[in-house]
């Protein structure tokens, strides 16, 4: 089974966030709680539904990631872009995505 993490967009500003092991939403993919078995994936899905119901985030999704040299990499291009930041100016304090990370 592939490793999975829970991602969403924060309701207040639309920034991509990932659920960490403490149940908080982090702006850093590397802080993510990684699910490695079916029960953990089900727990992530339940946490996503709860966060949606509590109006904390929108578009909560469990996504596939792989770990290479201790670094999490989303498998889909869309998620690599979301993890590294926008490809265009988006919000003050948020730089452009790292092209090397996206191309991986």
N, C-alpha and C. Protein backbone atom coordinates (compact mmCIF):
# COMPACT_ATOMS: atom_id res chain seq x y z
N UNK A 1 0.84 -1.19 0.00
CA UNK A 1 0.00 0.00 0.00
C UNK A 1 0.88 1.25 0.00
N UNK A 2 0.48 2.23 -0.78
CA UNK A 2 1.21 3.50 -0.84
C UNK A 2 1.04 4.26 0.47
N UNK A 3 2.00 5.10 0.77
CA UNK A 3 1.89 5.98 1.92
C UNK A 3 0.95 7.13 1.54
N UNK A 4 0.19 7.61 2.52
CA UNK A 4 -0.81 8.65 2.24
C UNK A 4 -0.77 9.72 3.33
N UNK A 5 -1.15 10.93 2.94
CA UNK A 5 -1.30 12.05 3.87
C UNK A 5 -2.62 12.75 3.57
N UNK A 6 -3.08 13.55 4.52
CA UNK A 6 -4.32 14.30 4.35
C UNK A 6 -3.97 15.75 4.06
N UNK A 7 -4.50 16.27 2.97
CA UNK A 7 -4.28 17.66 2.59
C UNK A 7 -5.63 18.34 2.39
N UNK A 8 -5.60 19.65 2.47
CA UNK A 8 -6.81 20.46 2.28
C UNK A 8 -6.36 21.89 1.99
N UNK A 9 -7.33 22.77 1.87
CA UNK A 9 -7.06 24.20 1.78
C UNK A 9 -7.70 24.85 3.00
N UNK A 10 -6.92 25.68 3.67
CA UNK A 10 -7.41 26.39 4.85
C UNK A 10 -8.54 27.31 4.42
N UNK A 11 -9.63 27.29 5.15
CA UNK A 11 -10.81 28.06 4.78
C UNK A 11 -10.55 29.56 4.77
N UNK A 12 -9.78 30.06 5.71
CA UNK A 12 -9.58 31.50 5.84
C UNK A 12 -8.84 32.16 4.69
N UNK A 13 -7.86 31.45 4.11
CA UNK A 13 -7.05 32.09 3.07
C UNK A 13 -6.77 31.20 1.86
N UNK A 14 -7.23 29.97 1.86
CA UNK A 14 -7.06 29.08 0.72
C UNK A 14 -5.70 28.43 0.61
N UNK A 15 -4.79 28.68 1.56
CA UNK A 15 -3.45 28.10 1.52
C UNK A 15 -3.54 26.59 1.71
N UNK A 16 -2.72 25.84 0.95
CA UNK A 16 -2.66 24.38 1.09
C UNK A 16 -2.07 24.03 2.45
N UNK A 17 -2.71 23.06 3.12
CA UNK A 17 -2.27 22.61 4.44
C UNK A 17 -2.32 21.08 4.50
N UNK A 18 -1.57 20.52 5.47
CA UNK A 18 -1.51 19.08 5.67
C UNK A 18 -1.71 18.79 7.14
N UNK A 19 -2.40 17.69 7.43
CA UNK A 19 -2.67 17.31 8.82
C UNK A 19 -1.42 16.70 9.43
N UNK A 20 -1.03 17.19 10.61
CA UNK A 20 0.14 16.64 11.28
C UNK A 20 -0.28 15.65 12.37
N UNK A 21 0.70 15.04 13.02
CA UNK A 21 0.43 13.99 14.02
C UNK A 21 -0.31 14.51 15.24
N UNK A 22 -0.24 15.81 15.50
CA UNK A 22 -0.94 16.40 16.66
C UNK A 22 -2.36 16.81 16.30
N UNK A 23 -2.77 16.59 15.04
CA UNK A 23 -4.12 16.96 14.62
C UNK A 23 -4.24 18.41 14.19
N UNK A 24 -3.11 19.07 13.97
CA UNK A 24 -3.10 20.46 13.52
C UNK A 24 -2.88 20.50 12.02
N UNK A 25 -3.26 21.61 11.41
CA UNK A 25 -3.06 21.81 9.98
C UNK A 25 -1.80 22.62 9.79
N UNK A 26 -0.82 22.04 9.10
CA UNK A 26 0.47 22.68 8.87
C UNK A 26 0.58 23.12 7.41
N UNK A 27 1.30 24.19 7.17
CA UNK A 27 1.56 24.64 5.81
C UNK A 27 2.70 23.86 5.17
N UNK A 28 3.31 22.93 5.91
CA UNK A 28 4.47 22.19 5.41
C UNK A 28 4.12 20.71 5.23
N UNK A 29 4.25 20.24 4.03
CA UNK A 29 4.02 18.82 3.73
C UNK A 29 4.88 17.93 4.63
N UNK A 30 6.10 18.34 4.89
CA UNK A 30 7.02 17.50 5.66
C UNK A 30 6.56 17.29 7.10
N UNK A 31 5.61 18.08 7.58
CA UNK A 31 5.05 17.91 8.93
C UNK A 31 3.93 16.87 8.96
N UNK A 32 3.53 16.36 7.81
CA UNK A 32 2.35 15.49 7.69
C UNK A 32 2.45 14.21 8.48
N UNK A 33 1.30 13.79 8.98
CA UNK A 33 1.14 12.45 9.54
C UNK A 33 0.99 11.52 8.35
N UNK A 34 1.86 10.50 8.27
CA UNK A 34 1.85 9.58 7.13
C UNK A 34 1.11 8.30 7.52
N UNK A 35 0.09 7.96 6.74
CA UNK A 35 -0.67 6.72 6.94
C UNK A 35 -0.01 5.62 6.12
N UNK A 36 0.24 4.49 6.79
CA UNK A 36 0.93 3.39 6.12
C UNK A 36 0.10 2.11 6.07
N UNK A 37 -1.14 2.18 6.55
CA UNK A 37 -2.03 1.01 6.48
C UNK A 37 -3.48 1.49 6.41
N UNK A 38 -4.38 0.57 6.05
CA UNK A 38 -5.78 0.93 5.79
C UNK A 38 -6.46 1.63 6.96
N UNK A 39 -6.20 1.18 8.18
CA UNK A 39 -6.85 1.79 9.34
C UNK A 39 -6.39 3.24 9.53
N UNK A 40 -5.13 3.50 9.26
CA UNK A 40 -4.62 4.87 9.37
C UNK A 40 -5.22 5.76 8.29
N UNK A 41 -5.40 5.22 7.10
CA UNK A 41 -6.03 5.99 6.02
C UNK A 41 -7.48 6.32 6.40
N UNK A 42 -8.18 5.36 6.97
CA UNK A 42 -9.56 5.61 7.40
C UNK A 42 -9.60 6.70 8.46
N UNK A 43 -8.62 6.72 9.36
CA UNK A 43 -8.55 7.77 10.39
C UNK A 43 -8.30 9.13 9.75
N UNK A 44 -7.44 9.19 8.74
CA UNK A 44 -7.21 10.46 8.04
C UNK A 44 -8.48 10.93 7.35
N UNK A 45 -9.18 10.01 6.70
CA UNK A 45 -10.44 10.39 6.03
C UNK A 45 -11.45 10.94 7.02
N UNK A 46 -11.55 10.30 8.19
CA UNK A 46 -12.48 10.77 9.23
C UNK A 46 -12.06 12.15 9.73
N UNK A 47 -10.76 12.37 9.90
CA UNK A 47 -10.27 13.68 10.35
C UNK A 47 -10.60 14.75 9.31
N UNK A 48 -10.49 14.40 8.04
CA UNK A 48 -10.84 15.33 6.97
C UNK A 48 -12.30 15.70 6.99
N UNK A 49 -13.16 14.70 7.18
CA UNK A 49 -14.61 14.97 7.25
C UNK A 49 -14.93 15.88 8.44
N UNK A 50 -14.28 15.62 9.58
CA UNK A 50 -14.52 16.43 10.77
C UNK A 50 -14.06 17.88 10.55
N UNK A 51 -12.90 18.06 9.93
CA UNK A 51 -12.39 19.41 9.66
C UNK A 51 -13.30 20.16 8.70
N UNK A 52 -13.84 19.44 7.70
CA UNK A 52 -14.80 20.06 6.78
C UNK A 52 -16.06 20.49 7.53
N UNK A 53 -16.58 19.60 8.37
CA UNK A 53 -17.80 19.90 9.12
C UNK A 53 -17.60 21.06 10.10
N UNK A 54 -16.36 21.22 10.58
CA UNK A 54 -16.05 22.30 11.52
C UNK A 54 -15.66 23.59 10.81
N UNK A 55 -15.73 23.58 9.47
CA UNK A 55 -15.39 24.76 8.68
C UNK A 55 -13.96 25.26 8.89
N UNK A 56 -13.04 24.31 9.07
CA UNK A 56 -11.62 24.66 9.19
C UNK A 56 -10.94 24.66 7.83
N UNK A 57 -11.35 23.73 6.96
CA UNK A 57 -10.72 23.55 5.66
C UNK A 57 -11.78 23.24 4.62
N UNK A 58 -11.35 23.30 3.35
CA UNK A 58 -12.17 22.84 2.23
C UNK A 58 -11.31 21.89 1.40
N UNK A 59 -11.97 21.09 0.58
CA UNK A 59 -11.30 20.20 -0.36
C UNK A 59 -10.30 19.26 0.32
N UNK A 60 -10.71 18.63 1.41
CA UNK A 60 -9.84 17.69 2.11
C UNK A 60 -9.73 16.39 1.30
N UNK A 61 -8.49 15.96 1.09
CA UNK A 61 -8.24 14.76 0.31
C UNK A 61 -7.06 13.98 0.88
N UNK A 62 -7.16 12.67 0.84
CA UNK A 62 -6.04 11.80 1.15
C UNK A 62 -5.28 11.60 -0.15
N UNK A 63 -3.98 11.87 -0.12
CA UNK A 63 -3.18 11.77 -1.35
C UNK A 63 -2.02 10.80 -1.15
N UNK A 64 -1.52 10.26 -2.26
CA UNK A 64 -0.38 9.36 -2.24
C UNK A 64 0.92 10.15 -2.19
N UNK A 65 1.83 9.68 -1.34
CA UNK A 65 3.17 10.26 -1.25
C UNK A 65 4.19 9.12 -1.20
N UNK A 66 5.41 9.45 -1.50
CA UNK A 66 6.50 8.51 -1.29
C UNK A 66 7.61 9.25 -0.56
N UNK A 67 8.37 8.50 0.21
CA UNK A 67 9.47 9.09 0.96
C UNK A 67 10.77 8.72 0.27
N UNK A 68 11.55 9.74 -0.08
CA UNK A 68 12.86 9.54 -0.69
C UNK A 68 13.89 10.32 0.11
N UNK A 69 14.87 9.62 0.63
CA UNK A 69 15.92 10.26 1.43
C UNK A 69 15.34 11.10 2.55
N UNK A 70 14.28 10.59 3.18
CA UNK A 70 13.67 11.27 4.32
C UNK A 70 12.77 12.44 3.97
N UNK A 71 12.49 12.63 2.67
CA UNK A 71 11.65 13.75 2.23
C UNK A 71 10.40 13.21 1.56
N UNK A 72 9.23 13.71 1.98
CA UNK A 72 7.97 13.30 1.37
C UNK A 72 7.78 14.00 0.03
N UNK A 73 7.37 13.20 -0.97
CA UNK A 73 7.08 13.72 -2.31
C UNK A 73 5.71 13.22 -2.74
N UNK A 74 4.78 14.13 -3.01
CA UNK A 74 3.49 13.70 -3.56
C UNK A 74 3.70 13.05 -4.93
N UNK A 75 2.89 12.06 -5.25
CA UNK A 75 3.04 11.37 -6.52
C UNK A 75 2.45 12.16 -7.68
N UNK A 76 1.38 12.91 -7.44
CA UNK A 76 0.73 13.67 -8.52
C UNK A 76 1.35 15.07 -8.64
N UNK A 77 1.48 15.54 -9.87
CA UNK A 77 2.03 16.86 -10.14
C UNK A 77 1.24 17.95 -9.41
N UNK A 78 -0.07 17.87 -9.45
CA UNK A 78 -0.91 18.88 -8.77
C UNK A 78 -0.51 19.02 -7.31
N UNK A 79 -0.29 17.90 -6.65
CA UNK A 79 0.03 17.93 -5.22
C UNK A 79 1.47 18.39 -4.98
N UNK A 80 2.38 18.11 -5.90
CA UNK A 80 3.75 18.63 -5.76
C UNK A 80 3.73 20.15 -5.84
N UNK A 81 2.92 20.70 -6.75
CA UNK A 81 2.80 22.16 -6.86
C UNK A 81 2.19 22.73 -5.59
N UNK A 82 1.14 22.10 -5.08
CA UNK A 82 0.50 22.59 -3.85
C UNK A 82 1.46 22.53 -2.67
N UNK A 83 2.32 21.51 -2.64
CA UNK A 83 3.25 21.33 -1.52
C UNK A 83 4.35 22.38 -1.50
N UNK A 84 4.78 22.82 -2.67
CA UNK A 84 5.91 23.74 -2.76
C UNK A 84 5.49 25.19 -2.88
N UNK A 85 4.25 25.45 -3.10
CA UNK A 85 3.81 26.83 -3.26
C UNK A 85 3.33 27.05 -4.67
N UNK A 86 2.69 28.16 -4.90
CA UNK A 86 2.10 28.42 -6.21
C UNK A 86 3.16 28.62 -7.29
N UNK A 87 2.76 28.46 -8.52
CA UNK A 87 3.65 28.69 -9.65
C UNK A 87 3.58 30.14 -10.11
N UNK A 88 2.75 30.92 -9.45
CA UNK A 88 2.63 32.36 -9.74
C UNK A 88 2.43 33.09 -8.42
N UNK A 89 2.58 34.40 -8.43
CA UNK A 89 2.38 35.19 -7.22
C UNK A 89 0.97 34.94 -6.69
N UNK A 90 0.86 34.62 -5.42
CA UNK A 90 -0.44 34.28 -4.85
C UNK A 90 -0.79 35.17 -3.67
N UNK A 91 0.02 35.10 -2.64
CA UNK A 91 -0.26 35.86 -1.43
C UNK A 91 1.07 36.33 -0.84
N UNK A 92 1.07 37.46 -0.21
CA UNK A 92 2.28 38.00 0.38
C UNK A 92 2.90 36.99 1.33
N UNK A 93 4.21 36.79 1.19
CA UNK A 93 4.92 35.86 2.06
C UNK A 93 4.99 34.44 1.52
N UNK A 94 4.38 34.18 0.39
CA UNK A 94 4.39 32.85 -0.21
C UNK A 94 5.08 32.92 -1.55
N UNK A 95 6.28 32.32 -1.61
CA UNK A 95 7.08 32.37 -2.82
C UNK A 95 6.62 31.36 -3.86
N UNK A 96 7.37 31.35 -4.94
CA UNK A 96 7.07 30.44 -6.03
C UNK A 96 7.52 29.02 -5.69
N UNK A 97 6.92 28.06 -6.34
CA UNK A 97 7.26 26.65 -6.15
C UNK A 97 8.68 26.38 -6.63
N UNK A 98 9.34 25.43 -5.97
CA UNK A 98 10.68 24.99 -6.36
C UNK A 98 10.56 24.09 -7.57
N UNK A 99 11.05 24.51 -8.73
CA UNK A 99 10.87 23.70 -9.95
C UNK A 99 11.50 22.32 -9.85
N UNK A 100 12.60 22.17 -9.10
CA UNK A 100 13.24 20.86 -8.96
C UNK A 100 12.35 19.89 -8.18
N UNK A 101 11.67 20.38 -7.15
CA UNK A 101 10.76 19.54 -6.37
C UNK A 101 9.57 19.12 -7.22
N UNK A 102 9.04 20.05 -7.98
CA UNK A 102 7.88 19.78 -8.82
C UNK A 102 8.21 18.77 -9.92
N UNK A 103 9.40 18.86 -10.46
CA UNK A 103 9.78 17.99 -11.57
C UNK A 103 10.12 16.58 -11.11
N UNK A 104 10.31 16.38 -9.83
CA UNK A 104 10.74 15.07 -9.32
C UNK A 104 9.77 13.96 -9.67
